[in-house]
């Protein structure tokens, strides 16, 4: 079971109350997690990644097991602690401003 935490704006769009759980076959990749999120919550399609390239959107970051996975390849396996459900996969809206 993979635990996923979405930022508040995406939770509101998805009408999700909090942490989500997904049963995905191992090894779990970022692409598999994002595919599962988009399948469960169609309003989130194309909000996390560009539909043409499959790469993450500029103001979305992905973290797991205290690692920034934002620039990892979509097919890279997630850390073991995320795959076994002991750590969540975090989707974070990047902060900017001045």
PDB file of N, CA and C in Angstrom:
ATOM      1  N   UNK A   1       0.838  -1.177   0.000  1.00  0.00           N
ATOM      2  CA  UNK A   1       0.000   0.000   0.000  1.00  0.00           C
ATOM      3  C   UNK A   1       0.886   1.243   0.000  1.00  0.00           C
ATOM      4  N   UNK A   2       0.600   2.146  -0.909  1.00  0.00           N
ATOM      5  CA  UNK A   2       1.318   3.416  -1.005  1.00  0.00           C
ATOM      6  C   UNK A   2       0.439   4.498  -0.402  1.00  0.00           C
ATOM      7  N   UNK A   3       1.001   5.272   0.513  1.00  0.00           N
ATOM      8  CA  UNK A   3       0.294   6.393   1.124  1.00  0.00           C
ATOM      9  C   UNK A   3       0.692   7.669   0.395  1.00  0.00           C
ATOM     10  N   UNK A   4      -0.308   8.475   0.025  1.00  0.00           N
ATOM     11  CA  UNK A   4      -0.057   9.705  -0.724  1.00  0.00           C
ATOM     12  C   UNK A   4      -0.703  10.871   0.010  1.00  0.00           C
ATOM     13  N   UNK A   5       0.064  11.953   0.149  1.00  0.00           N
ATOM     14  CA  UNK A   5      -0.437  13.183   0.747  1.00  0.00           C
ATOM     15  C   UNK A   5      -0.395  14.263  -0.331  1.00  0.00           C
ATOM     16  N   UNK A   6      -1.565  14.841  -0.602  1.00  0.00           N
ATOM     17  CA  UNK A   6      -1.684  15.905  -1.595  1.00  0.00           C
ATOM     18  C   UNK A   6      -1.755  17.260  -0.891  1.00  0.00           C
ATOM     19  N   UNK A   7      -1.328  18.341  -1.569  1.00  0.00           N
ATOM     20  CA  UNK A   7      -1.468  19.671  -0.974  1.00  0.00           C
ATOM     21  C   UNK A   7      -2.944  20.073  -0.933  1.00  0.00           C
ATOM     22  N   UNK A   8      -3.277  20.972  -0.036  1.00  0.00           N
ATOM     23  CA  UNK A   8      -4.673  21.386   0.190  1.00  0.00           C
ATOM     24  C   UNK A   8      -5.407  21.789  -1.088  1.00  0.00           C
ATOM     25  N   UNK A   9      -4.817  22.591  -1.990  1.00  0.00           N
ATOM     26  CA  UNK A   9      -5.572  22.964  -3.194  1.00  0.00           C
ATOM     27  C   UNK A   9      -5.956  21.753  -4.055  1.00  0.00           C
ATOM     28  N   UNK A  10      -5.057  20.768  -4.146  1.00  0.00           N
ATOM     29  CA  UNK A  10      -5.374  19.575  -4.935  1.00  0.00           C
ATOM     30  C   UNK A  10      -6.362  18.675  -4.209  1.00  0.00           C
ATOM     31  N   UNK A  11      -6.278  18.616  -2.874  1.00  0.00           N
ATOM     32  CA  UNK A  11      -7.281  17.862  -2.109  1.00  0.00           C
ATOM     33  C   UNK A  11      -8.664  18.448  -2.342  1.00  0.00           C
ATOM     34  N   UNK A  12      -8.754  19.769  -2.362  1.00  0.00           N
ATOM     35  CA  UNK A  12     -10.045  20.422  -2.591  1.00  0.00           C
ATOM     36  C   UNK A  12     -10.567  20.105  -3.993  1.00  0.00           C
ATOM     37  N   UNK A  13      -9.696  20.160  -4.977  1.00  0.00           N
ATOM     38  CA  UNK A  13     -10.088  19.859  -6.353  1.00  0.00           C
ATOM     39  C   UNK A  13     -10.548  18.407  -6.487  1.00  0.00           C
ATOM     40  N   UNK A  14      -9.864  17.504  -5.780  1.00  0.00           N
ATOM     41  CA  UNK A  14     -10.197  16.082  -5.828  1.00  0.00           C
ATOM     42  C   UNK A  14     -11.334  15.709  -4.888  1.00  0.00           C
ATOM     43  N   UNK A  15     -11.671  16.636  -3.994  1.00  0.00           N
ATOM     44  CA  UNK A  15     -12.659  16.369  -2.938  1.00  0.00           C
ATOM     45  C   UNK A  15     -12.204  15.215  -2.060  1.00  0.00           C
ATOM     46  N   UNK A  16     -10.951  15.300  -1.691  1.00  0.00           N
ATOM     47  CA  UNK A  16     -10.319  14.310  -0.835  1.00  0.00           C
ATOM     48  C   UNK A  16     -10.167  14.902   0.559  1.00  0.00           C
ATOM     49  N   UNK A  17     -10.316  14.086   1.560  1.00  0.00           N
ATOM     50  CA  UNK A  17     -10.256  14.558   2.948  1.00  0.00           C
ATOM     51  C   UNK A  17      -8.835  14.594   3.520  1.00  0.00           C
ATOM     52  N   UNK A  18      -7.944  13.777   3.006  1.00  0.00           N
ATOM     53  CA  UNK A  18      -6.599  13.743   3.587  1.00  0.00           C
ATOM     54  C   UNK A  18      -5.708  12.753   2.867  1.00  0.00           C
ATOM     55  N   UNK A  19      -4.969  11.985   3.649  1.00  0.00           N
ATOM     56  CA  UNK A  19      -4.043  11.009   3.078  1.00  0.00           C
ATOM     57  C   UNK A  19      -4.812   9.938   2.309  1.00  0.00           C
ATOM     58  N   UNK A  20      -4.297   9.558   1.159  1.00  0.00           N
ATOM     59  CA  UNK A  20      -4.903   8.536   0.311  1.00  0.00           C
ATOM     60  C   UNK A  20      -4.025   7.297   0.296  1.00  0.00           C
ATOM     61  N   UNK A  21      -4.627   6.141   0.095  1.00  0.00           N
ATOM     62  CA  UNK A  21      -3.885   4.878   0.013  1.00  0.00           C
ATOM     63  C   UNK A  21      -4.179   4.217  -1.320  1.00  0.00           C
ATOM     64  N   UNK A  22      -3.125   3.686  -1.925  1.00  0.00           N
ATOM     65  CA  UNK A  22      -3.234   3.019  -3.220  1.00  0.00           C
ATOM     66  C   UNK A  22      -2.519   1.668  -3.137  1.00  0.00           C
ATOM     67  N   UNK A  23      -3.156   0.628  -3.649  1.00  0.00           N
ATOM     68  CA  UNK A  23      -2.521  -0.682  -3.766  1.00  0.00           C
ATOM     69  C   UNK A  23      -1.947  -0.784  -5.166  1.00  0.00           C
ATOM     70  N   UNK A  24      -0.621  -0.776  -5.254  1.00  0.00           N
ATOM     71  CA  UNK A  24       0.066  -0.839  -6.539  1.00  0.00           C
ATOM     72  C   UNK A  24       1.077  -1.974  -6.520  1.00  0.00           C
ATOM     73  N   UNK A  25       1.275  -2.652  -7.650  1.00  0.00           N
ATOM     74  CA  UNK A  25       2.251  -3.743  -7.692  1.00  0.00           C
ATOM     75  C   UNK A  25       3.681  -3.200  -7.622  1.00  0.00           C
ATOM     76  N   UNK A  26       4.546  -3.938  -6.956  1.00  0.00           N
ATOM     77  CA  UNK A  26       5.960  -3.554  -6.837  1.00  0.00           C
ATOM     78  C   UNK A  26       6.694  -3.932  -8.120  1.00  0.00           C
ATOM     79  N   UNK A  27       7.765  -3.247  -8.439  1.00  0.00           N
ATOM     80  CA  UNK A  27       8.260  -2.031  -7.794  1.00  0.00           C
ATOM     81  C   UNK A  27       7.415  -0.826  -8.208  1.00  0.00           C
ATOM     82  N   UNK A  28       7.158   0.036  -7.258  1.00  0.00           N
ATOM     83  CA  UNK A  28       6.307   1.196  -7.501  1.00  0.00           C
ATOM     84  C   UNK A  28       7.164   2.355  -7.996  1.00  0.00           C
ATOM     85  N   UNK A  29       6.699   2.987  -9.063  1.00  0.00           N
ATOM     86  CA  UNK A  29       7.394   4.135  -9.641  1.00  0.00           C
ATOM     87  C   UNK A  29       6.551   5.395  -9.448  1.00  0.00           C
ATOM     88  N   UNK A  30       7.190   6.549  -9.656  1.00  0.00           N
ATOM     89  CA  UNK A  30       6.438   7.803  -9.583  1.00  0.00           C
ATOM     90  C   UNK A  30       5.329   7.816 -10.630  1.00  0.00           C
ATOM     91  N   UNK A  31       5.627   7.308 -11.823  1.00  0.00           N
ATOM     92  CA  UNK A  31       4.614   7.279 -12.874  1.00  0.00           C
ATOM     93  C   UNK A  31       3.393   6.468 -12.424  1.00  0.00           C
ATOM     94  N   UNK A  32       3.625   5.316 -11.795  1.00  0.00           N
ATOM     95  CA  UNK A  32       2.518   4.466 -11.340  1.00  0.00           C
ATOM     96  C   UNK A  32       1.663   5.175 -10.292  1.00  0.00           C
ATOM     97  N   UNK A  33       2.310   5.902  -9.385  1.00  0.00           N
ATOM     98  CA  UNK A  33       1.570   6.625  -8.351  1.00  0.00           C
ATOM     99  C   UNK A  33       0.739   7.739  -8.979  1.00  0.00           C
ATOM    100  N   UNK A  34       1.336   8.510  -9.860  1.00  0.00           N
ATOM    101  CA  UNK A  34       0.602   9.613 -10.491  1.00  0.00           C
ATOM    102  C   UNK A  34      -0.517   9.074 -11.369  1.00  0.00           C
ATOM    103  N   UNK A  35      -0.270   7.976 -12.075  1.00  0.00           N
ATOM    104  CA  UNK A  35      -1.344   7.351 -12.860  1.00  0.00           C
ATOM    105  C   UNK A  35      -2.511   6.969 -11.947  1.00  0.00           C
ATOM    106  N   UNK A  36      -2.209   6.400 -10.788  1.00  0.00           N
ATOM    107  CA  UNK A  36      -3.257   5.980  -9.845  1.00  0.00           C
ATOM    108  C   UNK A  36      -4.026   7.185  -9.303  1.00  0.00           C
ATOM    109  N   UNK A  37      -3.312   8.266  -8.997  1.00  0.00           N
ATOM    110  CA  UNK A  37      -3.978   9.484  -8.514  1.00  0.00           C
ATOM    111  C   UNK A  37      -4.933  10.012  -9.580  1.00  0.00           C
ATOM    112  N   UNK A  38      -4.454  10.103 -10.815  1.00  0.00           N
ATOM    113  CA  UNK A  38      -5.285  10.634 -11.894  1.00  0.00           C
ATOM    114  C   UNK A  38      -6.463   9.717 -12.213  1.00  0.00           C
ATOM    115  N   UNK A  39      -6.278   8.420 -12.055  1.00  0.00           N
ATOM    116  CA  UNK A  39      -7.378   7.494 -12.311  1.00  0.00           C
ATOM    117  C   UNK A  39      -8.475   7.636 -11.248  1.00  0.00           C
ATOM    118  N   UNK A  40      -8.060   7.743  -9.983  1.00  0.00           N
ATOM    119  CA  UNK A  40      -9.039   7.885  -8.899  1.00  0.00           C
ATOM    120  C   UNK A  40      -9.692   9.267  -8.905  1.00  0.00           C
ATOM    121  N   UNK A  41      -8.928  10.281  -9.255  1.00  0.00           N
ATOM    122  CA  UNK A  41      -9.410  11.661  -9.217  1.00  0.00           C
ATOM    123  C   UNK A  41      -9.240  12.325 -10.588  1.00  0.00           C
ATOM    124  N   UNK A  42     -10.160  12.097 -11.520  1.00  0.00           N
ATOM    125  CA  UNK A  42     -10.046  12.684 -12.862  1.00  0.00           C
ATOM    126  C   UNK A  42      -9.851  14.198 -12.880  1.00  0.00           C
ATOM    127  N   UNK A  43     -10.404  14.981 -11.913  1.00  0.00           N
ATOM    128  CA  UNK A  43     -10.140  16.425 -11.958  1.00  0.00           C
ATOM    129  C   UNK A  43      -8.653  16.778 -11.800  1.00  0.00           C
ATOM    130  N   UNK A  44      -7.841  15.843 -11.335  1.00  0.00           N
ATOM    131  CA  UNK A  44      -6.413  16.122 -11.157  1.00  0.00           C
ATOM    132  C   UNK A  44      -5.581  15.796 -12.396  1.00  0.00           C
ATOM    133  N   UNK A  45      -6.214  15.260 -13.430  1.00  0.00           N
ATOM    134  CA  UNK A  45      -5.459  14.963 -14.659  1.00  0.00           C
ATOM    135  C   UNK A  45      -4.814  16.231 -15.175  1.00  0.00           C
ATOM    136  N   UNK A  46      -3.552  16.109 -15.524  1.00  0.00           N
ATOM    137  CA  UNK A  46      -2.747  17.202 -16.086  1.00  0.00           C
ATOM    138  C   UNK A  46      -2.411  18.299 -15.089  1.00  0.00           C
ATOM    139  N   UNK A  47      -2.689  18.109 -13.799  1.00  0.00           N
ATOM    140  CA  UNK A  47      -2.291  19.111 -12.807  1.00  0.00           C
ATOM    141  C   UNK A  47      -0.921  18.805 -12.232  1.00  0.00           C
ATOM    142  N   UNK A  48      -0.533  17.529 -12.203  1.00  0.00           N
ATOM    143  CA  UNK A  48       0.752  17.139 -11.623  1.00  0.00           C
ATOM    144  C   UNK A  48       1.857  17.048 -12.666  1.00  0.00           C
ATOM    145  N   UNK A  49       1.476  16.733 -13.897  1.00  0.00           N
ATOM    146  CA  UNK A  49       2.489  16.585 -14.952  1.00  0.00           C
ATOM    147  C   UNK A  49       1.933  17.088 -16.278  1.00  0.00           C
ATOM    148  N   UNK A  50       2.854  17.454 -17.138  1.00  0.00           N
ATOM    149  CA  UNK A  50       2.505  17.930 -18.469  1.00  0.00           C
ATOM    150  C   UNK A  50       2.042  16.732 -19.302  1.00  0.00           C
ATOM    151  N   UNK A  51       0.863  16.802 -19.928  1.00  0.00           N
ATOM    152  CA  UNK A  51       0.368  15.647 -20.675  1.00  0.00           C
ATOM    153  C   UNK A  51       1.214  15.300 -21.901  1.00  0.00           C
ATOM    154  N   UNK A  52       1.889  16.276 -22.486  1.00  0.00           N
ATOM    155  CA  UNK A  52       2.697  16.022 -23.682  1.00  0.00           C
ATOM    156  C   UNK A  52       4.015  15.334 -23.352  1.00  0.00           C
ATOM    157  N   UNK A  53       4.654  15.746 -22.266  1.00  0.00           N
ATOM    158  CA  UNK A  53       5.983  15.212 -21.945  1.00  0.00           C
ATOM    159  C   UNK A  53       5.978  14.183 -20.826  1.00  0.00           C
ATOM    160  N   UNK A  54       4.938  14.212 -19.983  1.00  0.00           N
ATOM    161  CA  UNK A  54       4.895  13.311 -18.831  1.00  0.00           C
ATOM    162  C   UNK A  54       5.754  13.783 -17.671  1.00  0.00           C
ATOM    163  N   UNK A  55       6.418  14.917 -17.821  1.00  0.00           N
ATOM    164  CA  UNK A  55       7.283  15.457 -16.763  1.00  0.00           C
ATOM    165  C   UNK A  55       6.435  16.282 -15.795  1.00  0.00           C
ATOM    166  N   UNK A  56       6.926  16.397 -14.561  1.00  0.00           N
ATOM    167  CA  UNK A  56       6.180  17.129 -13.543  1.00  0.00           C
ATOM    168  C   UNK A  56       6.021  18.596 -13.928  1.00  0.00           C
ATOM    169  N   UNK A  57       4.967  19.185 -13.449  1.00  0.00           N
ATOM    170  CA  UNK A  57       4.748  20.617 -13.657  1.00  0.00           C
ATOM    171  C   UNK A  57       5.767  21.396 -12.829  1.00  0.00           C
ATOM    172  N   UNK A  58       6.082  22.591 -13.264  1.00  0.00           N
ATOM    173  CA  UNK A  58       7.149  23.385 -12.645  1.00  0.00           C
ATOM    174  C   UNK A  58       6.916  23.671 -11.164  1.00  0.00           C
ATOM    175  N   UNK A  59       5.688  23.873 -10.753  1.00  0.00           N
ATOM    176  CA  UNK A  59       5.434  24.256  -9.367  1.00  0.00           C
ATOM    177  C   UNK A  59       4.894  23.111  -8.519  1.00  0.00           C
ATOM    178  N   UNK A  60       5.197  21.895  -8.934  1.00  0.00           N
ATOM    179  CA  UNK A  60       4.856  20.702  -8.160  1.00  0.00           C
ATOM    180  C   UNK A  60       6.158  19.988  -7.813  1.00  0.00           C
ATOM    181  N   UNK A  61       6.272  19.576  -6.563  1.00  0.00           N
ATOM    182  CA  UNK A  61       7.461  18.836  -6.113  1.00  0.00           C
ATOM    183  C   UNK A  61       6.994  17.513  -5.506  1.00  0.00           C
ATOM    184  N   UNK A  62       7.850  16.498  -5.580  1.00  0.00           N
ATOM    185  CA  UNK A  62       7.552  15.182  -5.029  1.00  0.00           C
ATOM    186  C   UNK A  62       8.634  14.811  -4.020  1.00  0.00           C
ATOM    187  N   UNK A  63       8.218  14.378  -2.840  1.00  0.00           N
ATOM    188  CA  UNK A  63       9.138  13.982  -1.778  1.00  0.00           C
ATOM    189  C   UNK A  63       8.738  12.628  -1.230  1.00  0.00           C
ATOM    190  N   UNK A  64       9.734  11.882  -0.777  1.00  0.00           N
ATOM    191  CA  UNK A  64       9.484  10.599  -0.126  1.00  0.00           C
ATOM    192  C   UNK A  64      10.704  10.226   0.695  1.00  0.00           C
ATOM    193  N   UNK A  65      10.464   9.750   1.909  1.00  0.00           N
ATOM    194  CA  UNK A  65      11.541   9.306   2.797  1.00  0.00           C
ATOM    195  C   UNK A  65      12.641  10.358   2.909  1.00  0.00           C
ATOM    196  N   UNK A  66      12.228  11.608   3.093  1.00  0.00           N
ATOM    197  CA  UNK A  66      13.140  12.743   3.258  1.00  0.00           C
ATOM    198  C   UNK A  66      14.031  12.996   2.051  1.00  0.00           C
ATOM    199  N   UNK A  67      13.556  12.598   0.866  1.00  0.00           N
ATOM    200  CA  UNK A  67      14.301  12.816  -0.367  1.00  0.00           C
ATOM    201  C   UNK A  67      13.438  13.605  -1.339  1.00  0.00           C
ATOM    202  N   UNK A  68      14.058  14.555  -2.026  1.00  0.00           N
ATOM    203  CA  UNK A  68      13.374  15.282  -3.087  1.00  0.00           C
ATOM    204  C   UNK A  68      13.473  14.437  -4.353  1.00  0.00           C
ATOM    205  N   UNK A  69      12.349  13.914  -4.811  1.00  0.00           N
ATOM    206  CA  UNK A  69      12.317  13.053  -5.988  1.00  0.00           C
ATOM    207  C   UNK A  69      11.829  13.793  -7.224  1.00  0.00           C
ATOM    208  N   UNK A  70      11.717  15.094  -7.131  1.00  0.00           N
ATOM    209  CA  UNK A  70      11.114  15.897  -8.191  1.00  0.00           C
ATOM    210  C   UNK A  70      11.809  15.770  -9.533  1.00  0.00           C
ATOM    211  N   UNK A  71      13.115  15.605  -9.543  1.00  0.00           N
ATOM    212  CA  UNK A  71      13.847  15.533 -10.800  1.00  0.00           C
ATOM    213  C   UNK A  71      14.220  14.106 -11.201  1.00  0.00           C
ATOM    214  N   UNK A  72      13.719  13.132 -10.452  1.00  0.00           N
ATOM    215  CA  UNK A  72      13.964  11.732 -10.802  1.00  0.00           C
ATOM    216  C   UNK A  72      13.164  11.369 -12.052  1.00  0.00           C
ATOM    217  N   UNK A  73      13.627  10.361 -12.758  1.00  0.00           N
ATOM    218  CA  UNK A  73      12.898   9.862 -13.915  1.00  0.00           C
ATOM    219  C   UNK A  73      11.561   9.279 -13.464  1.00  0.00           C
ATOM    220  N   UNK A  74      10.505   9.432 -14.253  1.00  0.00           N
ATOM    221  CA  UNK A  74       9.199   8.900 -13.868  1.00  0.00           C
ATOM    222  C   UNK A  74       9.195   7.385 -13.619  1.00  0.00           C
ATOM    223  N   UNK A  75      10.098   6.655 -14.249  1.00  0.00           N
ATOM    224  CA  UNK A  75      10.142   5.195 -14.093  1.00  0.00           C
ATOM    225  C   UNK A  75      11.059   4.736 -12.956  1.00  0.00           C
ATOM    226  N   UNK A  76      11.659   5.678 -12.235  1.00  0.00           N
ATOM    227  CA  UNK A  76      12.528   5.308 -11.112  1.00  0.00           C
ATOM    228  C   UNK A  76      11.674   4.740  -9.982  1.00  0.00           C
ATOM    229  N   UNK A  77      12.158   3.675  -9.360  1.00  0.00           N
ATOM    230  CA  UNK A  77      11.437   3.075  -8.233  1.00  0.00           C
ATOM    231  C   UNK A  77      11.454   4.014  -7.033  1.00  0.00           C
ATOM    232  N   UNK A  78      10.372   4.003  -6.286  1.00  0.00           N
ATOM    233  CA  UNK A  78      10.305   4.805  -5.068  1.00  0.00           C
ATOM    234  C   UNK A  78      11.077   4.107  -3.952  1.00  0.00           C
ATOM    235  N   UNK A  79      11.514   4.854  -2.935  1.00  0.00           N
ATOM    236  CA  UNK A  79      12.245   4.255  -1.815  1.00  0.00           C
ATOM    237  C   UNK A  79      11.433   3.130  -1.150  1.00  0.00           C
ATOM    238  N   UNK A  80      12.146   2.164  -0.579  1.00  0.00           N
ATOM    239  CA  UNK A  80      11.513   1.006   0.060  1.00  0.00           C
ATOM    240  C   UNK A  80      10.521   1.421   1.136  1.00  0.00           C
ATOM    241  N   UNK A  81      10.841   2.476   1.905  1.00  0.00           N
ATOM    242  CA  UNK A  81       9.946   2.917   2.980  1.00  0.00           C
ATOM    243  C   UNK A  81       8.609   3.412   2.439  1.00  0.00           C
ATOM    244  N   UNK A  82       8.595   3.918   1.230  1.00  0.00           N
ATOM    245  CA  UNK A  82       7.338   4.354   0.605  1.00  0.00           C
ATOM    246  C   UNK A  82       6.607   3.129   0.057  1.00  0.00           C
ATOM    247  N   UNK A  83       7.355   2.230  -0.546  1.00  0.00           N
ATOM    248  CA  UNK A  83       6.727   1.046  -1.131  1.00  0.00           C
ATOM    249  C   UNK A  83       6.087   0.146  -0.078  1.00  0.00           C
ATOM    250  N   UNK A  84       6.649   0.117   1.131  1.00  0.00           N
ATOM    251  CA  UNK A  84       6.053  -0.734   2.173  1.00  0.00           C
ATOM    252  C   UNK A  84       5.021   0.020   3.015  1.00  0.00           C
ATOM    253  N   UNK A  85       4.786   1.301   2.706  1.00  0.00           N
ATOM    254  CA  UNK A  85       3.751   2.072   3.378  1.00  0.00           C
ATOM    255  C   UNK A  85       4.163   2.725   4.682  1.00  0.00           C
ATOM    256  N   UNK A  86       5.429   2.578   5.081  1.00  0.00           N
ATOM    257  CA  UNK A  86       5.844   3.193   6.345  1.00  0.00           C
ATOM    258  C   UNK A  86       6.082   4.697   6.215  1.00  0.00           C
ATOM    259  N   UNK A  87       6.342   5.182   5.012  1.00  0.00           N
ATOM    260  CA  UNK A  87       6.516   6.613   4.747  1.00  0.00           C
ATOM    261  C   UNK A  87       5.571   7.022   3.619  1.00  0.00           C
ATOM    262  N   UNK A  88       4.985   8.224   3.680  1.00  0.00           N
ATOM    263  CA  UNK A  88       4.102   8.662   2.595  1.00  0.00           C
ATOM    264  C   UNK A  88       4.881   9.250   1.425  1.00  0.00           C
ATOM    265  N   UNK A  89       4.240   9.263   0.284  1.00  0.00           N
ATOM    266  CA  UNK A  89       4.711   9.961  -0.907  1.00  0.00           C
ATOM    267  C   UNK A  89       4.033  11.326  -0.853  1.00  0.00           C
ATOM    268  N   UNK A  90       4.825  12.382  -0.814  1.00  0.00           N
ATOM    269  CA  UNK A  90       4.298  13.738  -0.631  1.00  0.00           C
ATOM    270  C   UNK A  90       4.303  14.513  -1.941  1.00  0.00           C
ATOM    271  N   UNK A  91       3.168  15.073  -2.276  1.00  0.00           N
ATOM    272  CA  UNK A  91       3.065  15.992  -3.408  1.00  0.00           C
ATOM    273  C   UNK A  91       2.958  17.380  -2.781  1.00  0.00           C
ATOM    274  N   UNK A  92       3.878  18.251  -3.143  1.00  0.00           N
ATOM    275  CA  UNK A  92       3.968  19.571  -2.524  1.00  0.00           C
ATOM    276  C   UNK A  92       3.864  20.641  -3.601  1.00  0.00           C
ATOM    277  N   UNK A  93       3.070  21.657  -3.351  1.00  0.00           N
ATOM    278  CA  UNK A  93       3.044  22.817  -4.228  1.00  0.00           C
ATOM    279  C   UNK A  93       4.239  23.695  -3.891  1.00  0.00           C
ATOM    280  N   UNK A  94       5.101  23.938  -4.870  1.00  0.00           N
ATOM    281  CA  UNK A  94       6.299  24.729  -4.624  1.00  0.00           C
ATOM    282  C   UNK A  94       5.915  26.165  -4.288  1.00  0.00           C
ATOM    283  N   UNK A  95       6.721  26.787  -3.452  1.00  0.00           N
ATOM    284  CA  UNK A  95       6.494  28.174  -3.040  1.00  0.00           C
ATOM    285  C   UNK A  95       7.363  29.092  -3.890  1.00  0.00           C
ATOM    286  N   UNK A  96       6.811  30.216  -4.236  1.00  0.00           N
ATOM    287  CA  UNK A  96       7.593  31.221  -4.944  1.00  0.00           C
ATOM    288  C   UNK A  96       7.037  32.586  -4.589  1.00  0.00           C
ATOM    289  N   UNK A  97       7.749  33.559  -4.954  1.00  0.00           N
ATOM    290  CA  UNK A  97       7.285  34.915  -4.676  1.00  0.00           C
ATOM    291  C   UNK A  97       8.431  35.817  -4.357  1.00  0.00           C
ATOM    292  N   UNK A  98       8.120  36.992  -3.993  1.00  0.00           N
ATOM    293  CA  UNK A  98       9.204  37.914  -3.705  1.00  0.00           C
ATOM    294  C   UNK A  98       8.742  39.076  -2.907  1.00  0.00           C
TER     295      UNK A  98
END
